[in-house]
Protein backbone atom coordinates (compact mmCIF):
# COMPACT_ATOMS: atom_id res chain seq x y z
CA UNK A 1 0.00 0.00 0.00
CA UNK A 2 1.39 3.34 -1.05
CA UNK A 3 2.31 6.15 1.29
CA UNK A 4 -0.41 8.28 -0.28
CA UNK A 5 -2.96 5.57 0.36
CA UNK A 6 -1.91 5.28 3.99
CA UNK A 7 -2.17 9.02 4.48
CA UNK A 8 -5.53 9.86 2.91
CA UNK A 9 -7.83 6.85 2.73
CA UNK A 10 -8.05 6.15 6.50
CA UNK A 11 -9.51 9.66 6.95
CA UNK A 12 -12.26 8.82 4.50
CA UNK A 13 -12.84 5.47 6.16
CA UNK A 14 -13.09 7.05 9.61
CA UNK A 15 -15.51 9.71 8.34
CA UNK A 16 -17.65 7.09 6.61
CA UNK A 17 -17.66 4.91 9.72
CA UNK A 18 -18.75 7.83 11.90
CA UNK A 19 -21.50 8.83 9.47
CA UNK A 20 -22.77 5.25 9.28
CA UNK A 21 -22.79 4.71 13.02
CA UNK A 22 -24.41 7.95 14.11
CA UNK A 23 -26.43 9.09 11.10
CA UNK A 24 -27.15 6.82 8.15
CA UNK A 25 -27.36 3.62 10.20
CA UNK A 26 -30.20 4.71 12.52
CA UNK A 27 -32.16 6.32 9.66
CA UNK A 28 -31.62 3.27 7.46
CA UNK A 29 -33.14 1.05 10.13
CA UNK A 30 -36.20 3.30 10.11
CA UNK A 31 -36.44 3.00 6.32
CA UNK A 32 -36.20 -0.78 6.60
CA UNK A 33 -39.07 -0.73 9.10
CA UNK A 34 -41.09 1.18 6.48
CA UNK A 35 -40.23 -1.51 3.87
CA UNK A 36 -38.42 0.97 1.61
CA UNK A 37 -35.88 -0.82 -0.60
CA UNK A 38 -32.32 0.29 -1.29
CA UNK A 39 -32.98 0.56 -5.03
CA UNK A 40 -36.04 2.75 -4.41
CA UNK A 41 -33.87 5.13 -2.36
CA UNK A 42 -31.25 5.19 -5.12
CA UNK A 43 -33.83 6.07 -7.77
CA UNK A 44 -35.49 8.67 -5.54
CA UNK A 45 -32.12 10.30 -4.90
CA UNK A 46 -31.55 10.60 -8.63
CA UNK A 47 -34.88 12.37 -9.15
CA UNK A 48 -34.05 14.73 -6.30
CA UNK A 49 -30.82 15.60 -8.15
CA UNK A 50 -32.85 16.23 -11.32
CA UNK A 51 -35.11 18.55 -9.30
CA UNK A 52 -32.02 20.40 -8.08
CA UNK A 53 -30.83 20.70 -11.68
CA UNK A 54 -34.11 22.32 -12.71
CA UNK A 55 -33.94 24.81 -9.84
CA UNK A 56 -30.37 25.71 -10.75
CA UNK A 57 -31.31 26.19 -14.40
CA UNK A 58 -33.82 28.79 -13.18
CA UNK A 59 -31.16 30.60 -11.17
CA UNK A 60 -32.34 29.34 -7.77
CA UNK A 61 -28.82 28.68 -6.55
CA UNK A 62 -29.42 28.43 -2.81
CA UNK A 63 -32.60 26.36 -2.98
CA UNK A 64 -31.05 24.23 -5.71
CA UNK A 65 -28.00 23.71 -3.51
CA UNK A 66 -30.15 22.62 -0.59
CA UNK A 67 -32.04 20.14 -2.77
CA UNK A 68 -28.77 18.84 -4.24
CA UNK A 69 -27.38 18.24 -0.75
CA UNK A 70 -30.63 16.52 0.25
CA UNK A 71 -30.20 14.12 -2.68
CA UNK A 72 -26.59 13.50 -1.70
CA UNK A 73 -27.65 12.71 1.87
CA UNK A 74 -30.19 10.20 0.54
CA UNK A 75 -27.30 8.43 -1.16
CA UNK A 76 -25.94 7.56 2.28
CA UNK A 77 -28.98 5.41 3.03
CA UNK A 78 -29.29 2.97 0.12
CA UNK A 79 -26.12 1.06 0.91
CA UNK A 80 -26.95 0.96 4.60
CA UNK A 81 -30.46 -0.37 3.87
CA UNK A 82 -29.01 -3.03 1.57
CA UNK A 83 -26.57 -4.18 4.25
CA UNK A 84 -29.18 -4.24 7.02
CA UNK A 85 -31.63 -6.26 4.93
CA UNK A 86 -28.92 -8.54 3.56
CA UNK A 87 -29.99 -7.64 0.02
CA UNK A 88 -26.81 -6.00 -1.23
CA UNK A 89 -26.40 -6.99 -4.87
CA UNK A 90 -24.13 -6.42 -7.81
CA UNK A 91 -26.95 -4.78 -9.75
CA UNK A 92 -27.79 -2.52 -6.80
CA UNK A 93 -24.18 -1.35 -6.63
CA UNK A 94 -24.16 -0.79 -10.40
CA UNK A 95 -27.44 1.16 -10.30
CA UNK A 96 -26.17 3.30 -7.42
CA UNK A 97 -22.93 4.20 -9.22
CA UNK A 98 -24.63 4.98 -12.53
CA UNK A 99 -27.39 7.14 -11.05
CA UNK A 100 -24.91 8.94 -8.78
CA UNK A 101 -22.92 10.06 -11.82
CA UNK A 102 -26.03 10.93 -13.82
CA UNK A 103 -27.35 12.97 -10.90
CA UNK A 104 -24.07 14.84 -10.62
CA UNK A 105 -24.07 15.48 -14.36
CA UNK A 106 -27.67 16.71 -14.18
CA UNK A 107 -26.77 19.29 -11.53
CA UNK A 108 -23.91 20.61 -13.65
CA UNK A 109 -26.14 20.64 -16.72
CA UNK A 110 -28.61 22.77 -14.78
CA UNK A 111 -25.85 25.26 -14.05
CA UNK A 112 -24.75 25.14 -17.69
CA UNK A 113 -28.27 26.04 -18.83
CA UNK A 114 -28.42 28.89 -16.31
CA UNK A 115 -25.14 30.40 -17.42
CA UNK A 116 -26.01 30.08 -21.11
CA UNK A 117 -29.26 31.93 -20.48
CA UNK A 118 -27.35 34.60 -18.58
CA UNK A 119 -24.80 34.93 -21.35
CA UNK A 120 -22.05 34.04 -18.87
CA UNK A 121 -19.42 32.30 -21.00
CA UNK A 122 -17.04 31.66 -18.10
CA UNK A 123 -19.75 30.04 -16.02
CA UNK A 124 -20.78 27.82 -18.95
CA UNK A 125 -17.16 26.81 -19.52
CA UNK A 126 -16.67 25.98 -15.87
CA UNK A 127 -19.88 23.90 -15.73
CA UNK A 128 -18.84 21.88 -18.77
CA UNK A 129 -15.25 21.49 -17.61
CA UNK A 130 -16.36 20.42 -14.14
CA UNK A 131 -18.66 17.78 -15.65
CA UNK A 132 -15.87 16.37 -17.83
CA UNK A 133 -13.25 16.25 -15.07
CA UNK A 134 -15.70 14.83 -12.52
CA UNK A 135 -16.56 12.01 -14.92
CA UNK A 136 -12.87 11.36 -15.54
CA UNK A 137 -12.16 11.15 -11.80
CA UNK A 138 -14.83 8.49 -11.47
CA UNK A 139 -13.71 6.72 -14.65
CA UNK A 140 -10.07 6.66 -13.54
CA UNK A 141 -11.12 4.86 -10.36
CA UNK A 142 -13.33 2.38 -12.22
CA UNK A 143 -10.65 1.66 -14.83
CA UNK A 144 -7.98 1.16 -12.19
CA UNK A 145 -10.16 -1.24 -10.24
CA UNK A 146 -10.99 -3.03 -13.50
CA UNK A 147 -7.25 -3.66 -13.75
CA UNK A 148 -7.19 -4.96 -10.15
CA UNK A 149 -5.47 -1.84 -8.82
CA UNK A 150 -6.91 0.16 -5.93
CA UNK A 151 -8.49 3.24 -7.50
CA UNK A 152 -9.90 5.24 -4.59
CA UNK A 153 -6.88 7.47 -4.06
CA UNK A 154 -6.32 11.19 -4.52
CA UNK A 155 -7.63 14.38 -3.06
CA UNK A 156 -11.10 14.72 -4.55
CA UNK A 157 -13.68 11.97 -4.87
CA UNK A 158 -17.42 12.41 -5.21
CA UNK A 159 -18.08 13.29 -1.52
CA UNK A 160 -15.52 16.09 -1.67
CA UNK A 161 -17.01 17.41 -4.91
CA UNK A 162 -20.48 17.50 -3.37
CA UNK A 163 -19.22 19.37 -0.30
CA UNK A 164 -17.36 21.97 -2.37
CA UNK A 165 -20.28 22.44 -4.76
CA UNK A 166 -22.72 22.67 -1.88
CA UNK A 167 -20.67 25.42 -0.25
CA UNK A 168 -20.44 27.24 -3.57
CA UNK A 169 -24.18 27.11 -4.20
CA UNK A 170 -25.22 28.08 -0.69
CA UNK A 171 -22.83 31.03 -0.77
CA UNK A 172 -23.99 31.93 -4.31
CA UNK A 173 -20.47 31.54 -5.69
CA UNK A 174 -20.70 28.30 -7.71
CA UNK A 175 -18.12 29.50 -10.22
CA UNK A 176 -15.44 29.53 -7.54
CA UNK A 177 -16.55 26.07 -6.40
CA UNK A 178 -16.36 24.71 -9.94
CA UNK A 179 -12.93 26.24 -10.41
CA UNK A 180 -11.71 24.46 -7.27
CA UNK A 181 -13.32 21.19 -8.36
CA UNK A 182 -11.72 21.39 -11.81
CA UNK A 183 -8.25 22.12 -10.46
CA UNK A 184 -8.28 19.49 -7.73
CA UNK A 185 -9.95 16.91 -9.99
CA UNK A 186 -7.12 17.33 -12.49
CA UNK A 187 -4.66 16.71 -9.65
CA UNK A 188 -6.66 13.68 -8.53
CA UNK A 189 -6.63 12.14 -12.00
CA UNK A 190 -2.87 12.59 -12.11
CA UNK A 191 -2.52 11.02 -8.67
CA UNK A 192 -4.58 8.02 -9.70
CA UNK A 193 -2.61 7.61 -12.92
CA UNK A 194 0.63 7.70 -10.92
CA UNK A 195 -0.78 5.18 -8.42
CA UNK A 196 -1.70 2.78 -11.24
CA UNK A 197 1.74 3.23 -12.80
CA UNK A 198 3.44 2.36 -9.50
CA UNK A 199 1.25 -0.67 -8.83
CA UNK A 200 0.59 -2.14 -12.27
CA UNK A 201 2.75 -4.38 -14.42
CA UNK A 202 5.08 -2.63 -16.88
């Protein structure tokens, strides 16, 4: 395990463990009691993201940001429900990953529409660039793991992107948030490429 892996991943693991124990776990047990399935939560979370995208396209940055964060919070529950019910499946994991990325793309598309309507070329460029680099961060992880190399390394994964974007929307400065996401995502892709190079056959 690389030095980078030792330094950064345990922090994510500890944060995820804390969130599961004190937040998503208790709520997930309530959802199980209501007979709500993990896949239903995943699909609902995607539609919440689409709702956030519409609000953002109309210039409702703060409300759109709140809705986006609500959808992201919902994403914490589907995996927990699947584990509690013992119904975790390969398809469920696939559905979760695909709809997560589509939801993220929808939010950025909403911002793209807003900036095009406003005639803000920089904002439109940042929305498109953020979408591309966010997809490449996720793809670099998936491709690495497809080659049997640990891919969840680097500074900015999806949770970090959501936090930065959420702060940007709530403060009404999404362009700054997207600039940060683009820059750090580019670094993350480079870090993942270097990690694969160090750990793969040559």
